[in-house]
Amino acid sequence: MSTAESQTAGRASYRTIVFVDFWNYSLSMQSIEEGFPTDWRVLPHVIIGAAVQLIDPGAAAHYHSMRVYGSFAEDGDAKLRNWATTKLDTFPGVTCNFVPRQRKRTGPRCPQCYEIAATCQHCGGDMRGTEEKGVDTAIAVDMISLAWEGVYDVAVLVSADRDFVPVAEYLMKKGIKVIHGAFPPSGAMLSQKSWGAIDIPALRDSFRRPPKA
């Protein structure tokens, strides 16, 4: 047993952190079941339970924390920002890192003449969209820095983004077990490079938020 592992009632216990790419998770779930209501209090417990049983059946899962990363549009996502910072962030063990979406440097390109238009020729409005910046980097930095500090044994990464493959490979070399919280068939490369994978949609009834009475 490694020094990072503890014992609970004679069983191995794995300190586990769940790292959630919020928009990747949300859009993936919506593609499987539109309007799916996530119970964010229950979600981390379901995920770490499945992950640890995959690693060591019968072992105990120690819920260290769940860290949720996302972005919001400053001019239109007030409800999301308020929910993330005043509700989700207060759930036991949950830490939120939501950042403003950044305005793109250029506007869309005309499919006919291929000219780029940053403003509307009729009203002068800004046609540049927004994009998420820094979220993947924040996830990667936290996964590596927290591993360096020795605070967890298992990382569950909930995302289908293959950009996390190098992070998973690095942590695996350092003895950290990375479990991919997957949305099959998306993210097959990340599942392949992780220690193992759990099917998040297949577990969804376990973390479905019950309807209000």
N, C-alpha and C. Protein backbone atom coordinates (compact mmCIF):
# COMPACT_ATOMS: atom_id res chain seq x y z
N MET A 1 0.85 -1.20 0.00
CA MET A 1 0.00 0.00 0.00
C MET A 1 0.88 1.24 0.00
N SER A 2 0.57 2.22 -0.83
CA SER A 2 1.37 3.44 -0.92
C SER A 2 1.14 4.31 0.30
N THR A 3 2.06 5.26 0.51
CA THR A 3 1.92 6.16 1.65
C THR A 3 0.72 7.07 1.51
N ALA A 4 0.24 7.25 0.26
CA ALA A 4 -0.90 8.13 0.04
C ALA A 4 -2.20 7.44 0.40
N GLU A 5 -2.16 6.12 0.53
CA GLU A 5 -3.35 5.35 0.82
C GLU A 5 -3.53 5.26 2.33
N SER A 6 -4.75 5.27 2.79
CA SER A 6 -5.03 5.13 4.21
C SER A 6 -5.86 3.88 4.42
N GLN A 7 -6.14 3.57 5.67
CA GLN A 7 -6.94 2.40 6.00
C GLN A 7 -8.22 2.84 6.71
N THR A 8 -9.34 2.29 6.29
CA THR A 8 -10.62 2.59 6.92
C THR A 8 -11.28 1.27 7.28
N ALA A 9 -11.38 0.98 8.60
CA ALA A 9 -11.99 -0.25 9.08
C ALA A 9 -11.37 -1.47 8.38
N GLY A 10 -10.05 -1.45 8.25
CA GLY A 10 -9.36 -2.57 7.66
C GLY A 10 -9.37 -2.60 6.15
N ARG A 11 -9.98 -1.61 5.52
CA ARG A 11 -10.02 -1.56 4.05
C ARG A 11 -9.16 -0.41 3.55
N ALA A 12 -8.62 -0.59 2.36
CA ALA A 12 -7.90 0.52 1.74
C ALA A 12 -8.87 1.65 1.45
N SER A 13 -8.40 2.87 1.62
CA SER A 13 -9.23 4.05 1.36
C SER A 13 -8.47 4.99 0.45
N TYR A 14 -9.10 5.40 -0.63
CA TYR A 14 -8.44 6.23 -1.63
C TYR A 14 -8.99 7.66 -1.60
N ARG A 15 -8.11 8.59 -1.34
CA ARG A 15 -8.49 10.01 -1.34
C ARG A 15 -8.72 10.43 -2.80
N THR A 16 -9.91 10.89 -3.07
CA THR A 16 -10.30 11.13 -4.47
C THR A 16 -10.80 12.55 -4.67
N ILE A 17 -10.32 13.18 -5.75
CA ILE A 17 -10.81 14.50 -6.16
C ILE A 17 -11.46 14.37 -7.53
N VAL A 18 -12.61 14.99 -7.68
CA VAL A 18 -13.31 15.03 -8.96
C VAL A 18 -13.08 16.40 -9.60
N PHE A 19 -12.59 16.40 -10.82
CA PHE A 19 -12.35 17.62 -11.58
C PHE A 19 -13.37 17.67 -12.72
N VAL A 20 -14.25 18.67 -12.69
CA VAL A 20 -15.35 18.73 -13.66
C VAL A 20 -15.20 19.93 -14.59
N ASP A 21 -15.13 19.63 -15.88
CA ASP A 21 -15.18 20.66 -16.92
C ASP A 21 -16.67 20.96 -17.13
N PHE A 22 -17.17 22.04 -16.52
CA PHE A 22 -18.61 22.29 -16.42
C PHE A 22 -19.34 22.27 -17.77
N TRP A 23 -18.85 23.03 -18.73
CA TRP A 23 -19.57 23.11 -20.00
C TRP A 23 -19.45 21.82 -20.79
N ASN A 24 -18.32 21.16 -20.69
CA ASN A 24 -18.16 19.88 -21.38
C ASN A 24 -19.14 18.87 -20.79
N TYR A 25 -19.22 18.85 -19.46
CA TYR A 25 -20.17 17.96 -18.78
C TYR A 25 -21.61 18.31 -19.16
N SER A 26 -21.96 19.58 -19.05
CA SER A 26 -23.35 20.00 -19.27
C SER A 26 -23.81 19.72 -20.69
N LEU A 27 -23.00 20.08 -21.67
CA LEU A 27 -23.38 19.87 -23.07
C LEU A 27 -23.41 18.40 -23.42
N SER A 28 -22.49 17.62 -22.85
CA SER A 28 -22.49 16.18 -23.10
C SER A 28 -23.74 15.53 -22.54
N MET A 29 -24.14 15.92 -21.33
CA MET A 29 -25.35 15.36 -20.72
C MET A 29 -26.59 15.78 -21.49
N GLN A 30 -26.63 17.03 -21.95
CA GLN A 30 -27.79 17.51 -22.70
C GLN A 30 -27.93 16.77 -24.02
N SER A 31 -26.81 16.35 -24.61
CA SER A 31 -26.88 15.61 -25.87
C SER A 31 -27.44 14.21 -25.66
N ILE A 32 -27.35 13.72 -24.43
CA ILE A 32 -27.84 12.38 -24.12
C ILE A 32 -29.27 12.43 -23.61
N GLU A 33 -29.56 13.41 -22.77
CA GLU A 33 -30.92 13.58 -22.23
C GLU A 33 -31.18 15.07 -22.04
N GLU A 34 -31.94 15.63 -22.94
CA GLU A 34 -32.21 17.07 -22.89
C GLU A 34 -32.92 17.44 -21.59
N GLY A 35 -32.41 18.48 -20.97
CA GLY A 35 -33.01 18.96 -19.73
C GLY A 35 -32.66 18.13 -18.51
N PHE A 36 -31.63 17.29 -18.62
CA PHE A 36 -31.28 16.45 -17.47
C PHE A 36 -30.96 17.29 -16.24
N PRO A 37 -31.61 17.00 -15.10
CA PRO A 37 -31.38 17.78 -13.87
C PRO A 37 -30.33 17.13 -12.98
N THR A 38 -29.17 17.72 -12.88
CA THR A 38 -28.09 17.16 -12.06
C THR A 38 -28.25 17.53 -10.60
N ASP A 39 -28.13 16.55 -9.73
CA ASP A 39 -28.08 16.82 -8.30
C ASP A 39 -26.60 16.96 -7.95
N TRP A 40 -26.14 18.20 -7.86
CA TRP A 40 -24.72 18.46 -7.68
C TRP A 40 -24.22 18.09 -6.30
N ARG A 41 -25.12 17.89 -5.34
CA ARG A 41 -24.70 17.43 -4.02
C ARG A 41 -24.33 15.95 -4.07
N VAL A 42 -25.07 15.21 -4.88
CA VAL A 42 -24.91 13.75 -4.94
C VAL A 42 -23.85 13.34 -5.96
N LEU A 43 -23.72 14.12 -7.03
CA LEU A 43 -22.84 13.78 -8.15
C LEU A 43 -21.45 13.30 -7.73
N PRO A 44 -20.71 14.04 -6.90
CA PRO A 44 -19.35 13.60 -6.59
C PRO A 44 -19.28 12.26 -5.88
N HIS A 45 -20.26 11.98 -5.02
CA HIS A 45 -20.26 10.73 -4.27
C HIS A 45 -20.50 9.54 -5.20
N VAL A 46 -21.39 9.71 -6.17
CA VAL A 46 -21.64 8.65 -7.15
C VAL A 46 -20.39 8.39 -7.98
N ILE A 47 -19.76 9.47 -8.41
CA ILE A 47 -18.59 9.34 -9.28
C ILE A 47 -17.41 8.69 -8.56
N ILE A 48 -17.09 9.16 -7.36
CA ILE A 48 -15.93 8.59 -6.68
C ILE A 48 -16.20 7.15 -6.26
N GLY A 49 -17.45 6.85 -5.93
CA GLY A 49 -17.79 5.47 -5.59
C GLY A 49 -17.52 4.53 -6.75
N ALA A 50 -17.96 4.94 -7.94
CA ALA A 50 -17.76 4.12 -9.14
C ALA A 50 -16.28 4.02 -9.49
N ALA A 51 -15.55 5.13 -9.34
CA ALA A 51 -14.14 5.15 -9.70
C ALA A 51 -13.32 4.23 -8.79
N VAL A 52 -13.54 4.32 -7.50
CA VAL A 52 -12.76 3.51 -6.56
C VAL A 52 -13.10 2.03 -6.69
N GLN A 53 -14.36 1.71 -6.94
CA GLN A 53 -14.72 0.30 -7.14
C GLN A 53 -14.07 -0.27 -8.39
N LEU A 54 -13.85 0.59 -9.38
CA LEU A 54 -13.15 0.17 -10.58
C LEU A 54 -11.69 -0.16 -10.27
N ILE A 55 -11.09 0.64 -9.40
CA ILE A 55 -9.68 0.46 -9.04
C ILE A 55 -9.49 -0.71 -8.09
N ASP A 56 -10.33 -0.76 -7.06
CA ASP A 56 -10.14 -1.73 -5.99
C ASP A 56 -11.49 -2.10 -5.39
N PRO A 57 -12.18 -3.10 -5.96
CA PRO A 57 -13.51 -3.48 -5.46
C PRO A 57 -13.47 -3.79 -3.96
N GLY A 58 -14.38 -3.18 -3.25
CA GLY A 58 -14.45 -3.37 -1.81
C GLY A 58 -13.71 -2.32 -1.02
N ALA A 59 -12.90 -1.49 -1.71
CA ALA A 59 -12.16 -0.43 -1.02
C ALA A 59 -13.10 0.72 -0.68
N ALA A 60 -12.66 1.56 0.24
CA ALA A 60 -13.45 2.73 0.64
C ALA A 60 -13.05 3.93 -0.20
N ALA A 61 -14.04 4.74 -0.56
CA ALA A 61 -13.79 5.96 -1.32
C ALA A 61 -13.85 7.14 -0.36
N HIS A 62 -12.75 7.85 -0.25
CA HIS A 62 -12.70 9.04 0.60
C HIS A 62 -12.89 10.27 -0.28
N TYR A 63 -14.00 10.96 -0.07
CA TYR A 63 -14.32 12.15 -0.86
C TYR A 63 -13.50 13.32 -0.35
N HIS A 64 -12.46 13.66 -1.10
CA HIS A 64 -11.64 14.82 -0.72
C HIS A 64 -12.33 16.10 -1.14
N SER A 65 -12.71 16.21 -2.45
CA SER A 65 -13.36 17.41 -2.95
C SER A 65 -13.82 17.22 -4.38
N MET A 66 -14.66 18.14 -4.83
CA MET A 66 -15.01 18.24 -6.24
C MET A 66 -14.77 19.67 -6.67
N ARG A 67 -14.01 19.83 -7.75
CA ARG A 67 -13.65 21.15 -8.25
C ARG A 67 -14.29 21.32 -9.62
N VAL A 68 -15.06 22.39 -9.76
CA VAL A 68 -15.84 22.63 -10.98
C VAL A 68 -15.31 23.87 -11.68
N TYR A 69 -15.02 23.73 -12.96
CA TYR A 69 -14.41 24.81 -13.74
C TYR A 69 -15.32 25.18 -14.91
N GLY A 70 -15.55 26.48 -15.10
CA GLY A 70 -16.39 26.89 -16.21
C GLY A 70 -16.21 28.35 -16.54
N SER A 71 -17.08 28.84 -17.40
CA SER A 71 -17.01 30.23 -17.83
C SER A 71 -18.41 30.79 -17.97
N PHE A 72 -18.51 32.11 -18.01
CA PHE A 72 -19.80 32.77 -18.16
C PHE A 72 -19.62 34.02 -19.01
N ALA A 73 -20.70 34.39 -19.70
CA ALA A 73 -20.70 35.64 -20.48
C ALA A 73 -21.08 36.77 -19.54
N GLU A 74 -20.26 37.78 -19.47
CA GLU A 74 -20.50 38.86 -18.52
C GLU A 74 -21.79 39.62 -18.81
N ASP A 75 -22.22 39.61 -20.07
CA ASP A 75 -23.41 40.38 -20.41
C ASP A 75 -24.67 39.52 -20.55
N GLY A 76 -24.60 38.25 -20.14
CA GLY A 76 -25.80 37.45 -20.32
C GLY A 76 -25.93 36.22 -19.45
N ASP A 77 -24.96 35.95 -18.59
CA ASP A 77 -24.99 34.75 -17.77
C ASP A 77 -25.05 35.07 -16.28
N ALA A 78 -25.78 36.10 -15.92
CA ALA A 78 -25.85 36.50 -14.51
C ALA A 78 -26.42 35.39 -13.64
N LYS A 79 -27.41 34.66 -14.17
CA LYS A 79 -28.03 33.59 -13.40
C LYS A 79 -27.04 32.46 -13.15
N LEU A 80 -26.29 32.08 -14.19
CA LEU A 80 -25.29 31.01 -14.04
C LEU A 80 -24.21 31.44 -13.06
N ARG A 81 -23.71 32.65 -13.21
CA ARG A 81 -22.65 33.14 -12.33
C ARG A 81 -23.12 33.17 -10.88
N ASN A 82 -24.33 33.61 -10.65
CA ASN A 82 -24.87 33.68 -9.30
C ASN A 82 -25.02 32.29 -8.70
N TRP A 83 -25.52 31.33 -9.51
CA TRP A 83 -25.70 29.96 -9.04
C TRP A 83 -24.36 29.32 -8.68
N ALA A 84 -23.36 29.53 -9.53
CA ALA A 84 -22.06 28.91 -9.31
C ALA A 84 -21.37 29.46 -8.07
N THR A 85 -21.51 30.77 -7.83
CA THR A 85 -20.76 31.41 -6.74
C THR A 85 -21.51 31.47 -5.42
N THR A 86 -22.84 31.38 -5.45
CA THR A 86 -23.60 31.49 -4.20
C THR A 86 -24.31 30.21 -3.79
N LYS A 87 -24.36 29.23 -4.69
CA LYS A 87 -25.02 27.97 -4.34
C LYS A 87 -24.10 26.78 -4.51
N LEU A 88 -23.67 26.52 -5.75
CA LEU A 88 -22.82 25.37 -5.99
C LEU A 88 -21.56 25.41 -5.14
N ASP A 89 -20.97 26.57 -5.01
CA ASP A 89 -19.73 26.74 -4.26
C ASP A 89 -19.89 26.51 -2.76
N THR A 90 -21.15 26.43 -2.29
CA THR A 90 -21.39 26.22 -0.86
C THR A 90 -21.63 24.75 -0.52
N PHE A 91 -21.77 23.89 -1.52
CA PHE A 91 -22.00 22.48 -1.26
C PHE A 91 -20.75 21.86 -0.62
N PRO A 92 -20.93 20.88 0.27
CA PRO A 92 -19.78 20.28 0.96
C PRO A 92 -18.70 19.77 0.00
N GLY A 93 -17.48 20.25 0.19
CA GLY A 93 -16.34 19.79 -0.59
C GLY A 93 -16.22 20.36 -1.98
N VAL A 94 -17.15 21.24 -2.38
CA VAL A 94 -17.15 21.76 -3.75
C VAL A 94 -16.44 23.11 -3.82
N THR A 95 -15.57 23.25 -4.81
CA THR A 95 -14.90 24.51 -5.10
C THR A 95 -15.17 24.87 -6.55
N CYS A 96 -15.60 26.10 -6.81
CA CYS A 96 -15.90 26.54 -8.17
C CYS A 96 -14.85 27.52 -8.67
N ASN A 97 -14.53 27.39 -9.94
CA ASN A 97 -13.62 28.33 -10.60
C ASN A 97 -14.26 28.71 -11.93
N PHE A 98 -15.04 29.78 -11.92
CA PHE A 98 -15.72 30.26 -13.12
C PHE A 98 -15.12 31.60 -13.52
N VAL A 99 -14.80 31.73 -14.80
CA VAL A 99 -14.16 32.94 -15.29
C VAL A 99 -14.99 33.54 -16.42
N PRO A 100 -14.85 34.86 -16.66
CA PRO A 100 -15.58 35.49 -17.77
C PRO A 100 -15.10 34.97 -19.12
N ARG A 101 -16.04 34.79 -20.04
CA ARG A 101 -15.66 34.42 -21.39
C ARG A 101 -15.03 35.63 -22.08
N GLN A 102 -14.07 35.38 -22.95
CA GLN A 102 -13.32 36.44 -23.60
C GLN A 102 -13.85 36.72 -25.01
N ARG A 103 -13.90 37.99 -25.37
CA ARG A 103 -14.34 38.37 -26.71
C ARG A 103 -13.31 37.90 -27.75
N LYS A 104 -13.76 37.29 -28.82
CA LYS A 104 -12.85 36.85 -29.87
C LYS A 104 -12.20 38.05 -30.54
N ARG A 105 -11.00 37.85 -31.03
CA ARG A 105 -10.24 38.96 -31.62
C ARG A 105 -10.83 39.40 -32.96
N THR A 106 -11.44 38.49 -33.69
CA THR A 106 -12.02 38.83 -34.99
C THR A 106 -13.45 38.35 -35.08
N GLY A 107 -14.18 38.90 -36.04
CA GLY A 107 -15.56 38.51 -36.26
C GLY A 107 -15.65 37.32 -37.21
N PRO A 108 -16.86 36.97 -37.62
CA PRO A 108 -17.06 35.84 -38.53
C PRO A 108 -16.59 36.16 -39.94
N ARG A 109 -16.28 35.13 -40.69
CA ARG A 109 -15.84 35.28 -42.08
C ARG A 109 -17.00 34.98 -43.03
N CYS A 110 -17.22 35.84 -43.98
CA CYS A 110 -18.30 35.65 -44.95
C CYS A 110 -18.02 34.40 -45.79
N PRO A 111 -18.99 33.49 -45.91
CA PRO A 111 -18.77 32.27 -46.69
C PRO A 111 -18.69 32.51 -48.19
N GLN A 112 -19.08 33.73 -48.64
CA GLN A 112 -19.06 34.03 -50.07
C GLN A 112 -17.76 34.74 -50.48
N CYS A 113 -17.46 35.86 -49.81
CA CYS A 113 -16.26 36.64 -50.20
C CYS A 113 -15.08 36.41 -49.26
N TYR A 114 -15.32 35.71 -48.14
CA TYR A 114 -14.29 35.36 -47.17
C TYR A 114 -13.73 36.56 -46.40
N GLU A 115 -14.42 37.69 -46.48
CA GLU A 115 -13.99 38.85 -45.70
C GLU A 115 -14.46 38.67 -44.25
N ILE A 116 -13.65 39.18 -43.33
CA ILE A 116 -14.00 39.11 -41.92
C ILE A 116 -14.73 40.38 -41.52
N ALA A 117 -15.84 40.22 -40.82
CA ALA A 117 -16.63 41.37 -40.38
C ALA A 117 -16.73 41.38 -38.86
N ALA A 118 -16.14 42.39 -38.24
CA ALA A 118 -16.17 42.50 -36.78
C ALA A 118 -17.44 43.19 -36.30
N THR A 119 -18.05 44.02 -37.17
CA THR A 119 -19.27 44.74 -36.79
C THR A 119 -20.34 44.55 -37.86
N CYS A 120 -21.58 44.65 -37.43
CA CYS A 120 -22.71 44.51 -38.35
C CYS A 120 -22.80 45.76 -39.23
N GLN A 121 -22.94 45.57 -40.54
CA GLN A 121 -22.99 46.71 -41.45
C GLN A 121 -24.30 47.48 -41.35
N HIS A 122 -25.29 46.91 -40.70
CA HIS A 122 -26.59 47.57 -40.57
C HIS A 122 -26.73 48.38 -39.28
N CYS A 123 -26.35 47.76 -38.16
CA CYS A 123 -26.54 48.44 -36.87
C CYS A 123 -25.23 48.82 -36.19
N GLY A 124 -24.12 48.31 -36.71
CA GLY A 124 -22.83 48.62 -36.09
C GLY A 124 -22.52 47.80 -34.86
N GLY A 125 -23.36 46.79 -34.59
CA GLY A 125 -23.14 45.95 -33.41
C GLY A 125 -21.92 45.06 -33.54
N ASP A 126 -21.36 44.70 -32.41
CA ASP A 126 -20.17 43.85 -32.37
C ASP A 126 -20.56 42.42 -32.73
N MET A 127 -20.01 41.88 -33.81
CA MET A 127 -20.34 40.54 -34.26
C MET A 127 -19.35 39.49 -33.75
N ARG A 128 -18.34 39.93 -33.03
CA ARG A 128 -17.39 38.96 -32.50
C ARG A 128 -18.04 38.14 -31.39
N GLY A 129 -17.89 36.85 -31.46
CA GLY A 129 -18.42 36.00 -30.42
C GLY A 129 -17.49 35.96 -29.21
N THR A 130 -17.79 35.09 -28.28
CA THR A 130 -16.93 34.92 -27.11
C THR A 130 -16.41 33.50 -27.08
N GLU A 131 -15.35 33.30 -26.33
CA GLU A 131 -14.77 31.97 -26.22
C GLU A 131 -14.23 31.76 -24.81
N GLU A 132 -14.15 30.49 -24.45
CA GLU A 132 -13.65 30.14 -23.13
C GLU A 132 -12.13 30.14 -23.15
N LYS A 133 -11.54 30.87 -22.23
CA LYS A 133 -10.08 30.98 -22.16
C LYS A 133 -9.59 30.65 -20.75
N GLY A 134 -8.62 29.78 -20.67
CA GLY A 134 -7.96 29.52 -19.39
C GLY A 134 -8.57 28.41 -18.55
N VAL A 135 -9.73 27.88 -18.93
CA VAL A 135 -10.38 26.86 -18.11
C VAL A 135 -9.59 25.56 -18.13
N ASP A 136 -9.22 25.09 -19.32
CA ASP A 136 -8.44 23.85 -19.42
C ASP A 136 -7.12 23.98 -18.68
N THR A 137 -6.50 25.14 -18.80
CA THR A 137 -5.23 25.37 -18.12
C THR A 137 -5.41 25.31 -16.61
N ALA A 138 -6.49 25.90 -16.10
CA ALA A 138 -6.75 25.89 -14.66
C ALA A 138 -6.94 24.47 -14.14
N ILE A 139 -7.66 23.66 -14.91
CA ILE A 139 -7.86 22.26 -14.51
C ILE A 139 -6.52 21.53 -14.47
N ALA A 140 -5.73 21.67 -15.53
CA ALA A 140 -4.45 20.97 -15.61
C ALA A 140 -3.51 21.39 -14.47
N VAL A 141 -3.45 22.70 -14.21
CA VAL A 141 -2.57 23.20 -13.15
C VAL A 141 -2.99 22.65 -11.79
N ASP A 142 -4.29 22.66 -11.52
CA ASP A 142 -4.76 22.16 -10.22
C ASP A 142 -4.52 20.66 -10.09
N MET A 143 -4.74 19.90 -11.15
CA MET A 143 -4.51 18.46 -11.08
C MET A 143 -3.06 18.16 -10.74
N ILE A 144 -2.16 18.88 -11.38
CA ILE A 144 -0.73 18.62 -11.16
C ILE A 144 -0.25 19.18 -9.82
N SER A 145 -0.67 20.40 -9.48
CA SER A 145 -0.19 21.01 -8.23
C SER A 145 -0.71 20.28 -7.00
N LEU A 146 -1.97 19.84 -7.04
CA LEU A 146 -2.52 19.11 -5.90
C LEU A 146 -1.89 17.73 -5.77
N ALA A 147 -1.55 17.13 -6.91
CA ALA A 147 -0.83 15.85 -6.86
C ALA A 147 0.55 16.06 -6.26
N TRP A 148 1.20 17.16 -6.64
CA TRP A 148 2.53 17.49 -6.12
C TRP A 148 2.49 17.67 -4.60
N GLU A 149 1.39 18.24 -4.11
CA GLU A 149 1.22 18.44 -2.67
C GLU A 149 0.85 17.15 -1.95
N GLY A 150 0.52 16.11 -2.71
CA GLY A 150 0.22 14.81 -2.13
C GLY A 150 -1.12 14.72 -1.42
N VAL A 151 -2.11 15.47 -1.91
CA VAL A 151 -3.39 15.50 -1.21
C VAL A 151 -4.40 14.50 -1.74
N TYR A 152 -4.10 13.83 -2.85
CA TYR A 152 -5.05 12.84 -3.35
C TYR A 152 -4.33 11.66 -4.01
N ASP A 153 -5.07 10.54 -4.09
CA ASP A 153 -4.56 9.32 -4.70
C ASP A 153 -5.19 9.07 -6.06
N VAL A 154 -6.44 9.50 -6.21
CA VAL A 154 -7.20 9.25 -7.43
C VAL A 154 -7.80 10.56 -7.94
N ALA A 155 -7.63 10.81 -9.23
CA ALA A 155 -8.27 11.96 -9.87
C ALA A 155 -9.32 11.44 -10.84
N VAL A 156 -10.53 11.94 -10.72
CA VAL A 156 -11.57 11.62 -11.70
C VAL A 156 -11.77 12.88 -12.54
N LEU A 157 -11.47 12.78 -13.82
CA LEU A 157 -11.58 13.92 -14.71
C LEU A 157 -12.83 13.78 -15.56
N VAL A 158 -13.79 14.67 -15.34
CA VAL A 158 -15.06 14.62 -16.07
C VAL A 158 -14.98 15.61 -17.22
N SER A 159 -14.63 15.11 -18.37
CA SER A 159 -14.49 15.90 -19.58
C SER A 159 -14.24 14.95 -20.74
N ALA A 160 -14.62 15.36 -21.95
CA ALA A 160 -14.33 14.56 -23.13
C ALA A 160 -13.21 15.18 -23.95
N ASP A 161 -12.55 16.19 -23.41
CA ASP A 161 -11.53 16.94 -24.14
C ASP A 161 -10.21 16.17 -24.19
N ARG A 162 -9.76 15.84 -25.38
CA ARG A 162 -8.52 15.08 -25.53
C ARG A 162 -7.29 15.90 -25.18
N ASP A 163 -7.45 17.22 -25.01
CA ASP A 163 -6.31 18.05 -24.62
C ASP A 163 -5.75 17.66 -23.25
N PHE A 164 -6.53 16.91 -22.46
CA PHE A 164 -6.08 16.50 -21.14
C PHE A 164 -5.25 15.22 -21.16
N VAL A 165 -5.07 14.63 -22.33
CA VAL A 165 -4.30 13.39 -22.43
C VAL A 165 -2.89 13.54 -21.84
N PRO A 166 -2.13 14.61 -22.18
CA PRO A 166 -0.78 14.74 -21.60
C PRO A 166 -0.79 14.84 -20.07
N VAL A 167 -1.82 15.48 -19.51
CA VAL A 167 -1.93 15.60 -18.06
C VAL A 167 -2.15 14.23 -17.43
N ALA A 168 -3.06 13.46 -18.02
CA ALA A 168 -3.34 12.12 -17.51
C ALA A 168 -2.09 11.25 -17.57
N GLU A 169 -1.37 11.32 -18.68
CA GLU A 169 -0.16 10.51 -18.84
C GLU A 169 0.90 10.90 -17.83
N TYR A 170 1.06 12.20 -17.60
CA TYR A 170 2.06 12.67 -16.64
C TYR A 170 1.73 12.19 -15.23
N LEU A 171 0.49 12.35 -14.82
CA LEU A 171 0.10 11.96 -13.47
C LEU A 171 0.22 10.46 -13.27
N MET A 172 -0.09 9.70 -14.30
CA MET A 172 0.03 8.26 -14.20
C MET A 172 1.48 7.85 -13.95
N LYS A 173 2.41 8.54 -14.60
CA LYS A 173 3.83 8.25 -14.39
C LYS A 173 4.25 8.56 -12.95
N LYS A 174 3.55 9.49 -12.31
CA LYS A 174 3.86 9.88 -10.95
C LYS A 174 3.11 9.05 -9.91
N GLY A 175 2.39 8.03 -10.36
CA GLY A 175 1.70 7.14 -9.43
C GLY A 175 0.27 7.51 -9.09
N ILE A 176 -0.25 8.56 -9.71
CA ILE A 176 -1.64 8.96 -9.50
C ILE A 176 -2.53 8.19 -10.47
N LYS A 177 -3.59 7.62 -9.97
CA LYS A 177 -4.53 6.93 -10.85
C LYS A 177 -5.54 7.96 -11.37
N VAL A 178 -5.58 8.10 -12.67
CA VAL A 178 -6.52 9.03 -13.32
C VAL A 178 -7.65 8.22 -13.93
N ILE A 179 -8.86 8.49 -13.48
CA ILE A 179 -10.05 7.83 -14.01
C ILE A 179 -10.80 8.84 -14.88
N HIS A 180 -11.11 8.45 -16.08
CA HIS A 180 -11.83 9.33 -16.98
C HIS A 180 -13.33 9.20 -16.74
N GLY A 181 -13.95 10.32 -16.36
CA GLY A 181 -15.41 10.38 -16.29
C GLY A 181 -15.91 10.62 -17.70
N ALA A 182 -16.27 9.56 -18.40
CA ALA A 182 -16.43 9.61 -19.85
C ALA A 182 -17.88 9.68 -20.31
N PHE A 183 -18.03 10.12 -21.55
CA PHE A 183 -19.32 10.20 -22.24
C PHE A 183 -19.17 9.45 -23.57
N PRO A 184 -19.11 8.13 -23.51
CA PRO A 184 -18.86 7.34 -24.73
C PRO A 184 -19.85 7.68 -25.84
N PRO A 185 -19.39 7.70 -27.10
CA PRO A 185 -18.04 7.36 -27.57
C PRO A 185 -17.07 8.55 -27.59
N SER A 186 -17.51 9.73 -27.12
CA SER A 186 -16.63 10.90 -27.11
C SER A 186 -15.46 10.69 -26.15
N GLY A 187 -14.34 11.29 -26.48
CA GLY A 187 -13.19 11.24 -25.57
C GLY A 187 -12.52 9.89 -25.47
N ALA A 188 -12.61 9.09 -26.53
CA ALA A 188 -12.05 7.73 -26.48
C ALA A 188 -10.54 7.76 -26.21
N MET A 189 -9.84 8.74 -26.76
CA MET A 189 -8.40 8.82 -26.54
C MET A 189 -8.06 9.07 -25.08
N LEU A 190 -8.83 9.95 -24.43
CA LEU A 190 -8.59 10.23 -23.02
C LEU A 190 -8.88 9.00 -22.17
N SER A 191 -9.92 8.26 -22.51
CA SER A 191 -10.23 7.02 -21.79
C SER A 191 -9.08 6.02 -21.94
N GLN A 192 -8.55 5.93 -23.14
CA GLN A 192 -7.47 4.99 -23.43
C GLN A 192 -6.20 5.31 -22.64
N LYS A 193 -5.91 6.60 -22.48
CA LYS A 193 -4.68 7.01 -21.82
C LYS A 193 -4.82 7.12 -20.30
N SER A 194 -6.04 7.04 -19.79
CA SER A 194 -6.26 7.07 -18.35
C SER A 194 -6.11 5.66 -17.77
N TRP A 195 -6.07 5.57 -16.45
CA TRP A 195 -5.97 4.24 -15.81
C TRP A 195 -7.21 3.42 -16.12
N GLY A 196 -8.34 4.10 -16.14
CA GLY A 196 -9.61 3.45 -16.44
C GLY A 196 -10.66 4.51 -16.71
N ALA A 197 -11.87 4.09 -17.02
CA ALA A 197 -12.94 5.04 -17.34
C ALA A 197 -14.26 4.54 -16.77
N ILE A 198 -15.09 5.50 -16.37
CA ILE A 198 -16.45 5.18 -15.95
C ILE A 198 -17.42 5.90 -16.88
N ASP A 199 -18.52 5.28 -17.16
CA ASP A 199 -19.54 5.81 -18.07
C ASP A 199 -20.47 6.72 -17.28
N ILE A 200 -20.29 8.02 -17.38
CA ILE A 200 -21.10 8.97 -16.60
C ILE A 200 -22.59 8.87 -16.94
N PRO A 201 -22.99 8.90 -18.21
CA PRO A 201 -24.42 8.81 -18.52
C PRO A 201 -25.09 7.54 -17.97
N ALA A 202 -24.35 6.44 -17.92
CA ALA A 202 -24.92 5.20 -17.42
C ALA A 202 -25.25 5.28 -15.92
N LEU A 203 -24.63 6.23 -15.23
CA LEU A 203 -24.85 6.41 -13.79
C LEU A 203 -25.87 7.49 -13.47
N ARG A 204 -26.43 8.13 -14.50
CA ARG A 204 -27.16 9.38 -14.27
C ARG A 204 -28.39 9.25 -13.38
N ASP A 205 -29.02 8.11 -13.34
CA ASP A 205 -30.19 7.98 -12.46
C ASP A 205 -29.80 8.06 -10.98
N SER A 206 -28.52 7.81 -10.70
CA SER A 206 -28.04 7.87 -9.32
C SER A 206 -27.80 9.29 -8.85
N PHE A 207 -27.63 10.23 -9.82
CA PHE A 207 -27.44 11.63 -9.42
C PHE A 207 -28.46 12.55 -10.10
N ARG A 208 -29.59 12.00 -10.44
CA ARG A 208 -30.68 12.79 -11.00
C ARG A 208 -31.39 13.57 -9.87
N ARG A 209 -31.51 14.87 -10.03
CA ARG A 209 -32.18 15.68 -9.02
C ARG A 209 -33.66 15.37 -9.00
N PRO A 210 -34.21 15.01 -7.84
CA PRO A 210 -35.65 14.68 -7.79
C PRO A 210 -36.49 15.92 -8.05
N PRO A 211 -37.67 15.74 -8.64
CA PRO A 211 -38.54 16.88 -8.89
C PRO A 211 -39.01 17.53 -7.59
N LYS A 212 -39.23 18.81 -7.66
CA LYS A 212 -39.71 19.53 -6.47
C LYS A 212 -41.13 19.08 -6.13
N ALA A 213 -41.38 18.96 -4.85
CA ALA A 213 -42.69 18.50 -4.39
C ALA A 213 -43.73 19.59 -4.66
